Amino acid sequence: MAANEPAPAERHGDIVRRRAYLSGRTERDMTDTTLKTAKFGIGAIVRHRLYPFRGIVFDVDPVFDNTEEWWLAIPEEVRPRKDQPFYHLLAENAETEYVAYVSEQNLLPDHSGEALRHTGIQEIFERDASGTYRMRDRATN
């Protein structure tokens, strides 16, 4: 990992806990504010505008919802605003897979068509015939 590249926000094992959180929530359950202002939806393939990684959106926060310590650890010259959507991504770069937390201002749509390899994708998403990623149906208890 390059010195100026952000550290992974979470590791794969944390996806299981995030999945449990998501199991009671769908995209429709998000606040109207999130749905009206978020540029990318659940299942969108995106890439970072500064760092060489891409991923798939699996959750959206309408505004920054991480620790102040995390935010302050970002170099000031590239630190994002807090008053915008932040995305939870199953992310990958050339070397590894991880979970990232990224501001909307730092994401671009990824139209490369390259397959994602992140092992967490199969756990959370299924791909339909058109190639669109959709959250898997949740099993009822």
C-alpha atoms as a PDB file:
ATOM      1  CA  MET A   1       0.000   0.000   0.000  1.00  0.00           C
ATOM      2  CA  ALA A   2       1.415   3.403  -0.965  1.00  0.00           C
ATOM      3  CA  ALA A   3       2.175   5.871   1.809  1.00  0.00           C
ATOM      4  CA  ASN A   4      -0.493   8.314   0.612  1.00  0.00           C
ATOM      5  CA  GLU A   5      -3.167   5.644   0.090  1.00  0.00           C
ATOM      6  CA  PRO A   6      -5.851   5.436   2.792  1.00  0.00           C
ATOM      7  CA  ALA A   7      -5.706   2.469   5.127  1.00  0.00           C
ATOM      8  CA  PRO A   8      -8.571  -0.038   4.824  1.00  0.00           C
ATOM      9  CA  ALA A   9     -11.451   1.071   7.058  1.00  0.00           C
ATOM     10  CA  GLU A  10     -12.388  -2.496   7.970  1.00  0.00           C
ATOM     11  CA  ARG A  11     -11.288  -6.033   7.121  1.00  0.00           C
ATOM     12  CA  HIS A  12     -13.377  -8.793   5.537  1.00  0.00           C
ATOM     13  CA  GLY A  13     -14.409 -10.265   8.913  1.00  0.00           C
ATOM     14  CA  ASP A  14     -16.170  -7.004   9.693  1.00  0.00           C
ATOM     15  CA  ILE A  15     -18.369  -7.464   6.626  1.00  0.00           C
ATOM     16  CA  VAL A  16     -20.247 -10.170   8.502  1.00  0.00           C
ATOM     17  CA  ARG A  17     -21.152  -7.703  11.266  1.00  0.00           C
ATOM     18  CA  ARG A  18     -22.093  -5.056   8.662  1.00  0.00           C
ATOM     19  CA  ARG A  19     -24.227  -7.653   6.852  1.00  0.00           C
ATOM     20  CA  ALA A  20     -26.103  -8.366  10.085  1.00  0.00           C
ATOM     21  CA  TYR A  21     -26.803  -4.656  10.396  1.00  0.00           C
ATOM     22  CA  LEU A  22     -27.977  -4.509   6.795  1.00  0.00           C
ATOM     23  CA  SER A  23     -30.199  -7.559   7.105  1.00  0.00           C
ATOM     24  CA  GLY A  24     -32.997  -5.484   8.579  1.00  0.00           C
ATOM     25  CA  ARG A  25     -32.607  -2.649   6.120  1.00  0.00           C
ATOM     26  CA  THR A  26     -33.190  -2.190   2.420  1.00  0.00           C
ATOM     27  CA  GLU A  27     -32.472   0.686   0.075  1.00  0.00           C
ATOM     28  CA  ARG A  28     -36.129   1.735   0.423  1.00  0.00           C
ATOM     29  CA  ASP A  29     -35.715   1.941   4.193  1.00  0.00           C
ATOM     30  CA  MET A  30     -33.091   4.666   3.855  1.00  0.00           C
ATOM     31  CA  THR A  31     -34.168   8.199   4.606  1.00  0.00           C
ATOM     32  CA  ASP A  32     -35.662  10.250   1.812  1.00  0.00           C
ATOM     33  CA  THR A  33     -32.720  12.626   2.154  1.00  0.00           C
ATOM     34  CA  THR A  34     -30.241   9.850   1.342  1.00  0.00           C
ATOM     35  CA  LEU A  35     -32.210   8.642  -1.650  1.00  0.00           C
ATOM     36  CA  LYS A  36     -32.609  12.177  -3.037  1.00  0.00           C
ATOM     37  CA  THR A  37     -29.007  13.249  -2.592  1.00  0.00           C
ATOM     38  CA  ALA A  38     -26.881  10.112  -2.953  1.00  0.00           C
ATOM     39  CA  LYS A  39     -25.302   9.955  -6.399  1.00  0.00           C
ATOM     40  CA  PHE A  40     -24.612   6.200  -6.187  1.00  0.00           C
ATOM     41  CA  GLY A  41     -27.008   3.486  -5.075  1.00  0.00           C
ATOM     42  CA  ILE A  42     -26.519   0.083  -3.480  1.00  0.00           C
ATOM     43  CA  GLY A  43     -24.791  -2.174  -6.016  1.00  0.00           C
ATOM     44  CA  ALA A  44     -23.129   0.665  -7.968  1.00  0.00           C
ATOM     45  CA  ILE A  45     -19.583  -0.007  -9.179  1.00  0.00           C
ATOM     46  CA  VAL A  46     -17.344   2.981  -8.436  1.00  0.00           C
ATOM     47  CA  ARG A  47     -13.692   3.978  -8.427  1.00  0.00           C
ATOM     48  CA  HIS A  48     -11.778   6.459  -6.296  1.00  0.00           C
ATOM     49  CA  ARG A  49     -10.847   9.657  -8.097  1.00  0.00           C
ATOM     50  CA  LEU A  50      -7.409   9.935  -6.419  1.00  0.00           C
ATOM     51  CA  TYR A  51      -6.342   6.457  -5.329  1.00  0.00           C
ATOM     52  CA  PRO A  52      -6.145   3.311  -7.474  1.00  0.00           C
ATOM     53  CA  PHE A  53      -9.042   1.298  -6.096  1.00  0.00           C
ATOM     54  CA  ARG A  54     -12.587   0.450  -7.085  1.00  0.00           C
ATOM     55  CA  GLY A  55     -15.493  -1.313  -5.462  1.00  0.00           C
ATOM     56  CA  ILE A  56     -19.200  -1.889  -5.051  1.00  0.00           C
ATOM     57  CA  VAL A  57     -21.476   0.181  -2.793  1.00  0.00           C
ATOM     58  CA  PHE A  58     -23.151  -1.851  -0.038  1.00  0.00           C
ATOM     59  CA  ASP A  59     -24.353   0.948   2.269  1.00  0.00           C
ATOM     60  CA  VAL A  60     -24.761   4.736   2.201  1.00  0.00           C
ATOM     61  CA  ASP A  61     -24.672   7.290   5.012  1.00  0.00           C
ATOM     62  CA  PRO A  62     -26.415  10.595   4.150  1.00  0.00           C
ATOM     63  CA  VAL A  63     -23.566  12.480   5.861  1.00  0.00           C
ATOM     64  CA  PHE A  64     -20.268  11.543   7.515  1.00  0.00           C
ATOM     65  CA  ASP A  65     -20.845   8.908  10.222  1.00  0.00           C
ATOM     66  CA  ASN A  66     -17.407   7.756  11.310  1.00  0.00           C
ATOM     67  CA  THR A  67     -15.103   8.855  14.133  1.00  0.00           C
ATOM     68  CA  GLU A  68     -13.490  12.254  14.339  1.00  0.00           C
ATOM     69  CA  GLU A  69     -10.154  10.465  14.726  1.00  0.00           C
ATOM     70  CA  TRP A  70     -10.688   8.693  11.383  1.00  0.00           C
ATOM     71  CA  TRP A  71     -11.568  11.973   9.654  1.00  0.00           C
ATOM     72  CA  LEU A  72      -8.594  13.871  11.129  1.00  0.00           C
ATOM     73  CA  ALA A  73      -6.218  11.095  10.005  1.00  0.00           C
ATOM     74  CA  ILE A  74      -6.921  12.073   6.390  1.00  0.00           C
ATOM     75  CA  PRO A  75      -4.355  14.623   5.156  1.00  0.00           C
ATOM     76  CA  GLU A  76      -5.945  18.072   5.306  1.00  0.00           C
ATOM     77  CA  GLU A  77      -5.277  18.830   1.636  1.00  0.00           C
ATOM     78  CA  VAL A  78      -7.482  15.881   0.582  1.00  0.00           C
ATOM     79  CA  ARG A  79      -9.854  15.712   3.582  1.00  0.00           C
ATOM     80  CA  PRO A  80     -13.482  15.562   2.349  1.00  0.00           C
ATOM     81  CA  ARG A  81     -16.385  17.647   3.579  1.00  0.00           C
ATOM     82  CA  LYS A  82     -18.617  15.923   6.136  1.00  0.00           C
ATOM     83  CA  ASP A  83     -21.914  17.254   4.726  1.00  0.00           C
ATOM     84  CA  GLN A  84     -22.215  14.807   1.843  1.00  0.00           C
ATOM     85  CA  PRO A  85     -23.066  11.137   1.387  1.00  0.00           C
ATOM     86  CA  PHE A  86     -20.396   8.630   2.436  1.00  0.00           C
ATOM     87  CA  TYR A  87     -20.306   5.170   0.928  1.00  0.00           C
ATOM     88  CA  HIS A  88     -19.363   1.788   2.377  1.00  0.00           C
ATOM     89  CA  LEU A  89     -17.578  -0.163  -0.347  1.00  0.00           C
ATOM     90  CA  LEU A  90     -16.373  -3.701  -0.839  1.00  0.00           C
ATOM     91  CA  ALA A  91     -13.137  -2.319  -2.273  1.00  0.00           C
ATOM     92  CA  GLU A  92     -10.136  -3.752  -4.042  1.00  0.00           C
ATOM     93  CA  ASN A  93      -6.870  -2.594  -5.520  1.00  0.00           C
ATOM     94  CA  ALA A  94      -4.158  -4.525  -7.363  1.00  0.00           C
ATOM     95  CA  GLU A  95      -2.901  -6.039  -4.097  1.00  0.00           C
ATOM     96  CA  THR A  96      -5.782  -6.632  -1.704  1.00  0.00           C
ATOM     97  CA  GLU A  97      -9.504  -6.551  -0.877  1.00  0.00           C
ATOM     98  CA  TYR A  98     -10.995  -4.531   1.965  1.00  0.00           C
ATOM     99  CA  VAL A  99     -13.956  -2.451   3.110  1.00  0.00           C
ATOM    100  CA  ALA A 100     -13.620   1.289   2.510  1.00  0.00           C
ATOM    101  CA  TYR A 101     -15.563   4.357   3.673  1.00  0.00           C
ATOM    102  CA  VAL A 102     -15.429   7.041   0.982  1.00  0.00           C
ATOM    103  CA  SER A 103     -16.999  10.469   0.461  1.00  0.00           C
ATOM    104  CA  GLU A 104     -19.123  11.093  -2.608  1.00  0.00           C
ATOM    105  CA  GLN A 105     -16.731  13.825  -3.818  1.00  0.00           C
ATOM    106  CA  ASN A 106     -14.008  11.185  -4.157  1.00  0.00           C
ATOM    107  CA  LEU A 107     -15.987   8.639  -6.171  1.00  0.00           C
ATOM    108  CA  LEU A 108     -16.592   8.282  -9.888  1.00  0.00           C
ATOM    109  CA  PRO A 109     -18.693   5.695 -11.706  1.00  0.00           C
ATOM    110  CA  ASP A 110     -16.606   2.775 -12.952  1.00  0.00           C
ATOM    111  CA  HIS A 111     -17.557   1.894 -16.510  1.00  0.00           C
ATOM    112  CA  SER A 112     -14.545  -0.338 -17.165  1.00  0.00           C
ATOM    113  CA  GLY A 113     -16.629  -3.503 -17.317  1.00  0.00           C
ATOM    114  CA  GLU A 114     -13.850  -5.352 -15.475  1.00  0.00           C
ATOM    115  CA  ALA A 115     -15.112  -8.012 -13.063  1.00  0.00           C
ATOM    116  CA  LEU A 116     -14.765  -7.357  -9.343  1.00  0.00           C
ATOM    117  CA  ARG A 117     -12.976 -10.082  -7.390  1.00  0.00           C
ATOM    118  CA  HIS A 118     -13.808  -9.093  -3.782  1.00  0.00           C
ATOM    119  CA  THR A 119     -14.796 -12.261  -1.925  1.00  0.00           C
ATOM    120  CA  GLY A 120     -17.496 -10.429   0.054  1.00  0.00           C
ATOM    121  CA  ILE A 121     -19.563  -9.685  -3.053  1.00  0.00           C
ATOM    122  CA  GLN A 122     -21.038 -13.210  -3.235  1.00  0.00           C
ATOM    123  CA  GLU A 123     -22.141 -12.925   0.396  1.00  0.00           C
ATOM    124  CA  ILE A 124     -24.083  -9.691  -0.098  1.00  0.00           C
ATOM    125  CA  PHE A 125     -24.951  -9.428  -3.801  1.00  0.00           C
ATOM    126  CA  GLU A 126     -26.234 -11.438  -6.704  1.00  0.00           C
ATOM    127  CA  ARG A 127     -25.801 -10.422 -10.324  1.00  0.00           C
ATOM    128  CA  ASP A 128     -28.758 -10.479 -12.681  1.00  0.00           C
ATOM    129  CA  ALA A 129     -28.744 -11.298 -16.403  1.00  0.00           C
ATOM    130  CA  SER A 130     -28.083  -7.653 -17.311  1.00  0.00           C
ATOM    131  CA  GLY A 131     -24.971  -7.570 -15.103  1.00  0.00           C
ATOM    132  CA  THR A 132     -26.552  -5.410 -12.391  1.00  0.00           C
ATOM    133  CA  TYR A 133     -25.666  -6.207  -8.785  1.00  0.00           C
ATOM    134  CA  ARG A 134     -28.625  -6.546  -6.395  1.00  0.00           C
ATOM    135  CA  MET A 135     -28.614  -7.342  -2.690  1.00  0.00           C
ATOM    136  CA  ARG A 136     -29.366 -10.995  -2.004  1.00  0.00           C
ATOM    137  CA  ASP A 137     -32.726 -11.784  -0.480  1.00  0.00           C
ATOM    138  CA  ARG A 138     -32.477 -12.032   3.273  1.00  0.00           C
ATOM    139  CA  ALA A 139     -33.522 -15.250   4.959  1.00  0.00           C
ATOM    140  CA  THR A 140     -36.333 -14.804   7.437  1.00  0.00           C
ATOM    141  CA  ASN A 141     -35.898 -16.056  11.011  1.00  0.00           C
END
